[in-house]
Amino acid sequence: MPKIRSRATRPPAAVERLTRTFRALGDPARSRIVLALSQDERCVSDLAEIAGLSLSATSHQLRILRDLDLVTVRRAGKNHLYALNESAPFARALAHLVREAA
């Protein structure tokens, strides 16, 4: 039988979002992507090579990071260039931490 939480014990939306973010960053491929994007914006093919994934798998990982507002994309001709979203507070802090660790 599933455990039912009362309203008083449910985590607020911010905590749930933070949990999803840390869970996403716990994946080694996504961590490699974030590290690469902390250095410079990159296209999907560059990120696929860095992460050791197919183009499709890399796009899927980028979609997860975009949904969490950690990554932005801009179009440059036929290419899509990805970068860390440094306008989002958590992404800005993450970029700082990654640069310090590298």
C-alpha atoms as a PDB file:
ATOM      1  CA  MET A   1       0.000   0.000   0.000  1.00  0.00           C
ATOM      2  CA  PRO A   2       1.497   3.399  -0.988  1.00  0.00           C
ATOM      3  CA  LYS A   3       2.349   5.795   1.758  1.00  0.00           C
ATOM      4  CA  ILE A   4       0.130   8.897   1.726  1.00  0.00           C
ATOM      5  CA  ARG A   5       1.693  12.198   2.668  1.00  0.00           C
ATOM      6  CA  SER A   6      -0.207  14.939   4.360  1.00  0.00           C
ATOM      7  CA  ARG A   7       0.123  18.472   3.014  1.00  0.00           C
ATOM      8  CA  ALA A   8       2.392  19.358   5.914  1.00  0.00           C
ATOM      9  CA  THR A   9       5.011  16.751   4.932  1.00  0.00           C
ATOM     10  CA  ARG A  10       5.038  17.301   1.165  1.00  0.00           C
ATOM     11  CA  PRO A  11       8.204  19.020  -0.011  1.00  0.00           C
ATOM     12  CA  PRO A  12       7.722  22.431  -1.615  1.00  0.00           C
ATOM     13  CA  ALA A  13       8.112  22.782  -5.380  1.00  0.00           C
ATOM     14  CA  ALA A  14      11.571  24.324  -4.981  1.00  0.00           C
ATOM     15  CA  VAL A  15      12.843  21.269  -3.119  1.00  0.00           C
ATOM     16  CA  GLU A  16      11.379  18.937  -5.733  1.00  0.00           C
ATOM     17  CA  ARG A  17      13.014  20.959  -8.518  1.00  0.00           C
ATOM     18  CA  LEU A  18      16.348  20.912  -6.713  1.00  0.00           C
ATOM     19  CA  THR A  19      16.042  17.154  -6.289  1.00  0.00           C
ATOM     20  CA  ARG A  20      15.372  16.706 -10.032  1.00  0.00           C
ATOM     21  CA  THR A  21      18.359  18.912 -10.829  1.00  0.00           C
ATOM     22  CA  PHE A  22      20.773  16.965  -8.635  1.00  0.00           C
ATOM     23  CA  ARG A  23      19.396  13.682  -9.969  1.00  0.00           C
ATOM     24  CA  ALA A  24      20.019  14.929 -13.525  1.00  0.00           C
ATOM     25  CA  LEU A  25      23.551  16.006 -12.685  1.00  0.00           C
ATOM     26  CA  GLY A  26      24.234  12.615 -11.120  1.00  0.00           C
ATOM     27  CA  ASP A  27      24.344  11.100 -14.595  1.00  0.00           C
ATOM     28  CA  PRO A  28      27.988  10.980 -15.829  1.00  0.00           C
ATOM     29  CA  ALA A  29      27.105  11.870 -19.434  1.00  0.00           C
ATOM     30  CA  ARG A  30      25.111  14.935 -18.364  1.00  0.00           C
ATOM     31  CA  SER A  31      27.926  15.938 -16.015  1.00  0.00           C
ATOM     32  CA  ARG A  32      30.415  15.750 -18.908  1.00  0.00           C
ATOM     33  CA  ILE A  33      28.061  17.903 -21.004  1.00  0.00           C
ATOM     34  CA  VAL A  34      27.751  20.500 -18.228  1.00  0.00           C
ATOM     35  CA  LEU A  35      31.524  20.570 -17.768  1.00  0.00           C
ATOM     36  CA  ALA A  36      32.062  21.118 -21.506  1.00  0.00           C
ATOM     37  CA  LEU A  37      29.409  23.853 -21.600  1.00  0.00           C
ATOM     38  CA  SER A  38      30.996  25.601 -18.624  1.00  0.00           C
ATOM     39  CA  GLN A  39      34.027  26.231 -20.850  1.00  0.00           C
ATOM     40  CA  ASP A  40      32.274  27.360 -24.044  1.00  0.00           C
ATOM     41  CA  GLU A  41      29.090  26.964 -26.052  1.00  0.00           C
ATOM     42  CA  ARG A  42      29.092  23.885 -28.266  1.00  0.00           C
ATOM     43  CA  CYS A  43      27.068  22.121 -30.939  1.00  0.00           C
ATOM     44  CA  VAL A  44      25.426  18.722 -30.458  1.00  0.00           C
ATOM     45  CA  SER A  45      28.073  16.833 -32.438  1.00  0.00           C
ATOM     46  CA  ASP A  46      30.877  18.244 -30.259  1.00  0.00           C
ATOM     47  CA  LEU A  47      28.948  17.394 -27.110  1.00  0.00           C
ATOM     48  CA  ALA A  48      28.202  13.880 -28.396  1.00  0.00           C
ATOM     49  CA  GLU A  49      31.913  13.263 -28.890  1.00  0.00           C
ATOM     50  CA  ILE A  50      32.763  14.647 -25.446  1.00  0.00           C
ATOM     51  CA  ALA A  51      30.015  12.659 -23.704  1.00  0.00           C
ATOM     52  CA  GLY A  52      30.669   9.481 -25.689  1.00  0.00           C
ATOM     53  CA  LEU A  53      27.048   9.283 -26.859  1.00  0.00           C
ATOM     54  CA  SER A  54      25.184   9.161 -30.141  1.00  0.00           C
ATOM     55  CA  LEU A  55      23.707  12.394 -31.510  1.00  0.00           C
ATOM     56  CA  SER A  56      20.226  11.206 -30.559  1.00  0.00           C
ATOM     57  CA  ALA A  57      21.230  10.309 -27.003  1.00  0.00           C
ATOM     58  CA  THR A  58      23.053  13.625 -26.623  1.00  0.00           C
ATOM     59  CA  SER A  59      19.985  15.528 -27.816  1.00  0.00           C
ATOM     60  CA  HIS A  60      17.914  13.654 -25.255  1.00  0.00           C
ATOM     61  CA  GLN A  61      20.347  14.591 -22.463  1.00  0.00           C
ATOM     62  CA  LEU A  62      20.303  18.217 -23.596  1.00  0.00           C
ATOM     63  CA  ARG A  63      16.500  18.213 -23.527  1.00  0.00           C
ATOM     64  CA  ILE A  64      16.605  17.129 -19.876  1.00  0.00           C
ATOM     65  CA  LEU A  65      19.076  19.905 -19.054  1.00  0.00           C
ATOM     66  CA  ARG A  66      16.982  22.459 -20.983  1.00  0.00           C
ATOM     67  CA  ASP A  67      13.803  21.379 -19.179  1.00  0.00           C
ATOM     68  CA  LEU A  68      15.596  22.116 -15.896  1.00  0.00           C
ATOM     69  CA  ASP A  69      16.625  25.537 -17.285  1.00  0.00           C
ATOM     70  CA  LEU A  70      20.313  24.686 -16.927  1.00  0.00           C
ATOM     71  CA  VAL A  71      21.096  24.941 -20.634  1.00  0.00           C
ATOM     72  CA  THR A  72      20.093  27.381 -23.356  1.00  0.00           C
ATOM     73  CA  VAL A  73      20.197  26.940 -27.105  1.00  0.00           C
ATOM     74  CA  ARG A  74      20.657  29.432 -29.900  1.00  0.00           C
ATOM     75  CA  ARG A  75      20.560  28.914 -33.608  1.00  0.00           C
ATOM     76  CA  ALA A  76      23.626  29.786 -35.699  1.00  0.00           C
ATOM     77  CA  GLY A  77      22.781  29.035 -39.315  1.00  0.00           C
ATOM     78  CA  LYS A  78      22.013  25.327 -39.501  1.00  0.00           C
ATOM     79  CA  ASN A  79      23.610  24.603 -36.138  1.00  0.00           C
ATOM     80  CA  HIS A  80      22.166  24.766 -32.653  1.00  0.00           C
ATOM     81  CA  LEU A  81      24.681  25.969 -30.111  1.00  0.00           C
ATOM     82  CA  TYR A  82      24.196  25.057 -26.460  1.00  0.00           C
ATOM     83  CA  ALA A  83      25.498  26.951 -23.445  1.00  0.00           C
ATOM     84  CA  LEU A  84      24.962  26.971 -19.703  1.00  0.00           C
ATOM     85  CA  ASN A  85      22.077  29.266 -18.808  1.00  0.00           C
ATOM     86  CA  GLU A  86      23.951  31.704 -16.627  1.00  0.00           C
ATOM     87  CA  SER A  87      20.871  33.899 -16.228  1.00  0.00           C
ATOM     88  CA  ALA A  88      19.213  31.196 -14.102  1.00  0.00           C
ATOM     89  CA  PRO A  89      20.425  31.450 -10.476  1.00  0.00           C
ATOM     90  CA  PHE A  90      21.133  27.736  -9.977  1.00  0.00           C
ATOM     91  CA  ALA A  91      22.844  27.417 -13.370  1.00  0.00           C
ATOM     92  CA  ARG A  92      25.002  30.467 -12.596  1.00  0.00           C
ATOM     93  CA  ALA A  93      26.099  28.890  -9.290  1.00  0.00           C
ATOM     94  CA  LEU A  94      26.654  25.567 -11.048  1.00  0.00           C
ATOM     95  CA  ALA A  95      28.832  27.203 -13.702  1.00  0.00           C
ATOM     96  CA  HIS A  96      30.937  28.802 -10.980  1.00  0.00           C
ATOM     97  CA  LEU A  97      31.349  25.497  -9.125  1.00  0.00           C
ATOM     98  CA  VAL A  98      32.268  23.609 -12.295  1.00  0.00           C
ATOM     99  CA  ARG A  99      34.852  26.214 -13.322  1.00  0.00           C
ATOM    100  CA  GLU A 100      36.423  26.129  -9.856  1.00  0.00           C
ATOM    101  CA  ALA A 101      36.594  22.322  -9.893  1.00  0.00           C
ATOM    102  CA  ALA A 102      38.094  22.087 -13.399  1.00  0.00           C
END
